[in-house]
N, C-alpha and C. Protein backbone atom coordinates (compact mmCIF):
# COMPACT_ATOMS: atom_id res chain seq x y z
N MET A 1 120.92 139.06 97.93
CA MET A 1 120.04 138.03 97.44
C MET A 1 120.52 137.51 96.08
N LYS A 2 121.03 138.39 95.24
CA LYS A 2 121.53 137.97 93.95
C LYS A 2 122.72 137.02 94.15
N GLU A 3 123.58 137.33 95.09
CA GLU A 3 124.75 136.50 95.30
C GLU A 3 124.40 135.11 95.79
N ASP A 4 123.35 135.00 96.59
CA ASP A 4 122.91 133.70 97.09
C ASP A 4 122.43 132.82 95.93
N SER A 5 121.72 133.42 94.96
CA SER A 5 121.26 132.64 93.82
C SER A 5 122.40 132.24 92.93
N ARG A 6 123.44 133.09 92.80
CA ARG A 6 124.60 132.74 92.03
C ARG A 6 125.32 131.57 92.65
N ILE A 7 125.47 131.59 93.95
CA ILE A 7 126.16 130.49 94.64
C ILE A 7 125.39 129.20 94.46
N ARG A 8 124.06 129.27 94.57
CA ARG A 8 123.25 128.05 94.36
C ARG A 8 123.37 127.55 92.96
N ARG A 9 123.41 128.45 91.98
CA ARG A 9 123.55 128.03 90.59
C ARG A 9 124.90 127.34 90.35
N ILE A 10 125.94 127.81 91.02
CA ILE A 10 127.27 127.27 90.84
C ILE A 10 127.31 125.85 91.43
N PHE A 11 126.72 125.65 92.60
CA PHE A 11 126.80 124.39 93.32
C PHE A 11 125.65 123.46 93.05
N ALA A 12 124.67 123.85 92.25
CA ALA A 12 123.52 123.00 91.92
C ALA A 12 123.92 121.66 91.25
N PRO A 13 124.88 121.66 90.36
CA PRO A 13 125.27 120.37 89.72
C PRO A 13 125.80 119.33 90.73
N LEU A 14 126.27 119.78 91.86
CA LEU A 14 126.81 118.83 92.87
C LEU A 14 125.71 117.97 93.51
N ALA A 15 124.44 118.29 93.22
CA ALA A 15 123.37 117.43 93.74
C ALA A 15 123.33 116.09 92.97
N SER A 16 123.92 116.05 91.79
CA SER A 16 123.92 114.85 90.97
C SER A 16 125.04 113.93 91.40
N ARG A 17 124.69 112.66 91.57
CA ARG A 17 125.72 111.66 91.94
C ARG A 17 126.71 111.48 90.83
N LYS A 18 126.27 111.58 89.60
CA LYS A 18 127.18 111.39 88.43
C LYS A 18 128.23 112.48 88.44
N VAL A 19 127.83 113.72 88.71
CA VAL A 19 128.81 114.83 88.73
C VAL A 19 129.83 114.64 89.87
N ARG A 20 129.33 114.22 91.02
CA ARG A 20 130.25 114.00 92.14
C ARG A 20 131.24 112.88 91.87
N VAL A 21 130.80 111.77 91.23
CA VAL A 21 131.71 110.71 90.88
C VAL A 21 132.72 111.20 89.86
N ALA A 22 132.26 111.94 88.86
CA ALA A 22 133.14 112.47 87.83
C ALA A 22 134.22 113.40 88.44
N LEU A 23 133.81 114.25 89.37
CA LEU A 23 134.76 115.15 90.03
C LEU A 23 135.77 114.39 90.86
N ALA A 24 135.31 113.36 91.57
CA ALA A 24 136.19 112.56 92.39
C ALA A 24 137.19 111.80 91.51
N THR A 25 136.71 111.29 90.36
CA THR A 25 137.59 110.57 89.47
C THR A 25 138.69 111.50 88.89
N VAL A 26 138.25 112.67 88.45
CA VAL A 26 139.22 113.61 87.91
C VAL A 26 140.21 114.08 88.97
N ALA A 27 139.73 114.35 90.18
CA ALA A 27 140.57 114.77 91.26
C ALA A 27 141.62 113.70 91.61
N ALA A 28 141.17 112.42 91.65
CA ALA A 28 142.05 111.31 91.96
C ALA A 28 143.13 111.15 90.87
N SER A 29 142.68 111.30 89.61
CA SER A 29 143.69 111.14 88.56
C SER A 29 144.71 112.29 88.52
N TYR A 30 144.26 113.53 88.80
CA TYR A 30 145.18 114.63 88.90
C TYR A 30 146.16 114.46 90.07
N ALA A 31 145.60 113.99 91.21
CA ALA A 31 146.46 113.78 92.40
C ALA A 31 147.51 112.71 92.12
N ALA A 32 147.09 111.68 91.41
CA ALA A 32 148.02 110.62 91.11
C ALA A 32 149.09 111.11 90.12
N GLN A 33 148.69 111.97 89.19
CA GLN A 33 149.63 112.46 88.22
C GLN A 33 150.61 113.48 88.85
N ILE A 34 150.12 114.25 89.79
CA ILE A 34 150.99 115.34 90.35
C ILE A 34 151.93 114.80 91.39
N GLY A 35 151.43 113.99 92.37
CA GLY A 35 152.35 113.71 93.45
C GLY A 35 152.28 112.33 94.05
N LEU A 36 151.35 111.52 93.67
CA LEU A 36 151.23 110.20 94.32
C LEU A 36 152.10 109.13 93.72
N HIS A 37 152.70 109.43 92.57
CA HIS A 37 153.61 108.48 91.89
C HIS A 37 152.95 107.15 91.64
N VAL A 38 151.80 107.20 90.98
CA VAL A 38 151.04 106.01 90.66
C VAL A 38 151.35 105.58 89.22
N ASN A 39 151.46 104.28 89.04
CA ASN A 39 151.78 103.77 87.68
C ASN A 39 150.51 103.86 86.77
N ASP A 40 150.74 103.61 85.49
CA ASP A 40 149.66 103.73 84.52
C ASP A 40 148.51 102.80 84.79
N ASP A 41 148.80 101.58 85.25
CA ASP A 41 147.73 100.62 85.52
C ASP A 41 146.76 101.15 86.58
N MET A 42 147.32 101.80 87.60
CA MET A 42 146.45 102.32 88.68
C MET A 42 145.65 103.49 88.12
N MET A 43 146.21 104.31 87.25
CA MET A 43 145.46 105.42 86.68
C MET A 43 144.26 104.92 85.88
N TYR A 44 144.52 103.85 85.06
CA TYR A 44 143.42 103.28 84.29
C TYR A 44 142.37 102.66 85.18
N THR A 45 142.77 102.11 86.30
CA THR A 45 141.84 101.55 87.29
C THR A 45 140.97 102.62 87.85
N ILE A 46 141.56 103.74 88.27
CA ILE A 46 140.81 104.83 88.82
C ILE A 46 139.77 105.35 87.80
N LEU A 47 140.22 105.56 86.58
CA LEU A 47 139.34 106.05 85.53
C LEU A 47 138.23 105.04 85.20
N GLY A 48 138.63 103.74 85.17
CA GLY A 48 137.67 102.72 84.84
C GLY A 48 136.57 102.60 85.88
N VAL A 49 136.96 102.66 87.16
CA VAL A 49 135.97 102.57 88.23
C VAL A 49 135.03 103.78 88.17
N GLY A 50 135.59 104.97 87.92
CA GLY A 50 134.75 106.16 87.80
C GLY A 50 133.74 106.06 86.68
N VAL A 51 134.22 105.61 85.51
CA VAL A 51 133.32 105.47 84.35
C VAL A 51 132.25 104.41 84.68
N SER A 52 132.64 103.30 85.30
CA SER A 52 131.69 102.25 85.62
C SER A 52 130.64 102.73 86.57
N LEU A 53 131.02 103.51 87.57
CA LEU A 53 130.02 104.03 88.49
C LEU A 53 129.06 105.01 87.79
N ILE A 54 129.57 105.87 86.92
CA ILE A 54 128.70 106.78 86.20
C ILE A 54 127.72 106.02 85.30
N LEU A 55 128.21 105.02 84.60
CA LEU A 55 127.32 104.23 83.77
C LEU A 55 126.28 103.46 84.59
N GLY A 56 126.70 102.97 85.76
CA GLY A 56 125.78 102.25 86.63
C GLY A 56 124.69 103.19 87.15
N ILE A 57 125.04 104.41 87.50
CA ILE A 57 124.06 105.38 87.98
C ILE A 57 123.08 105.72 86.89
N ALA A 58 123.63 105.94 85.63
CA ALA A 58 122.77 106.25 84.52
C ALA A 58 121.79 105.07 84.24
N HIS A 59 122.29 103.85 84.33
CA HIS A 59 121.44 102.67 84.09
C HIS A 59 120.34 102.57 85.21
N GLU A 60 120.71 102.85 86.41
CA GLU A 60 119.75 102.86 87.52
C GLU A 60 118.70 103.92 87.29
N ASP A 61 119.11 105.11 86.88
CA ASP A 61 118.17 106.22 86.63
C ASP A 61 117.22 105.87 85.49
N ALA A 62 117.74 105.20 84.43
CA ALA A 62 116.92 104.84 83.31
C ALA A 62 115.90 103.79 83.74
N GLY A 63 116.31 102.83 84.54
CA GLY A 63 115.40 101.79 85.05
C GLY A 63 114.31 102.38 85.92
N ARG A 64 114.65 103.36 86.71
CA ARG A 64 113.70 104.03 87.55
C ARG A 64 112.66 104.79 86.73
N ASN A 65 113.11 105.43 85.64
CA ASN A 65 112.22 106.18 84.78
C ASN A 65 111.29 105.23 84.02
N ILE A 66 111.79 104.08 83.60
CA ILE A 66 110.95 103.11 82.87
C ILE A 66 109.91 102.53 83.84
N SER A 67 110.29 102.19 85.04
CA SER A 67 109.36 101.58 85.96
C SER A 67 108.30 102.57 86.47
N SER A 68 108.62 103.86 86.47
CA SER A 68 107.66 104.84 86.91
C SER A 68 106.76 105.30 85.81
N GLY A 69 107.00 104.85 84.59
CA GLY A 69 106.17 105.22 83.44
C GLY A 69 106.47 106.54 82.89
N ALA A 70 107.65 107.11 83.12
CA ALA A 70 108.01 108.39 82.56
C ALA A 70 108.20 108.23 81.05
N THR A 71 107.70 109.24 80.30
CA THR A 71 107.77 109.13 78.83
C THR A 71 108.81 110.13 78.27
N GLY A 72 109.08 111.17 78.97
CA GLY A 72 110.03 112.17 78.44
C GLY A 72 111.45 111.94 78.98
N PRO A 73 112.31 112.89 78.71
CA PRO A 73 113.71 112.78 79.25
C PRO A 73 113.67 112.95 80.75
N PRO A 74 114.67 112.39 81.47
CA PRO A 74 114.69 112.52 82.91
C PRO A 74 114.85 113.95 83.36
N ASN A 75 114.48 114.23 84.58
CA ASN A 75 114.60 115.56 85.16
C ASN A 75 116.06 115.95 85.23
N PRO A 76 116.51 117.01 84.57
CA PRO A 76 117.93 117.34 84.56
C PRO A 76 118.47 117.78 85.89
N ARG A 77 117.58 118.29 86.76
CA ARG A 77 118.02 118.73 88.09
C ARG A 77 117.20 118.00 89.17
N PRO A 78 117.74 116.87 89.63
CA PRO A 78 116.99 116.14 90.67
C PRO A 78 116.96 116.90 91.97
N SER A 79 115.92 116.73 92.69
CA SER A 79 115.86 117.36 94.03
C SER A 79 116.84 116.65 94.95
N THR A 80 117.15 117.30 96.05
CA THR A 80 118.08 116.71 96.99
C THR A 80 117.54 115.46 97.64
N ASP A 81 116.20 115.30 97.59
CA ASP A 81 115.61 114.08 98.17
C ASP A 81 115.90 112.86 97.31
N GLU A 82 116.13 113.07 95.97
CA GLU A 82 116.37 111.97 95.10
C GLU A 82 117.82 111.51 95.17
N VAL A 83 118.71 112.37 95.64
CA VAL A 83 120.16 112.06 95.68
C VAL A 83 120.41 111.28 96.94
N ARG A 84 121.17 110.21 96.77
CA ARG A 84 121.49 109.39 97.94
C ARG A 84 122.85 109.73 98.47
């Protein structure tokens, strides 16, 4: 039972769309650096798209919190129902 809770704690951040986009961006940039022979412009494009997506998701979350009348900081661990 302890091990199950440890595994859940390790994988809990993956419920966040921002974390998944960040991991995909980092994985793509490492793959490009290691073996895909991608030029610098493509690397900046990969990183730029990742950052843009993360900022867009944060903006969307902020708009959702304002429209729902939330006064405090957003819930740091969204339920899986909130993740698209």
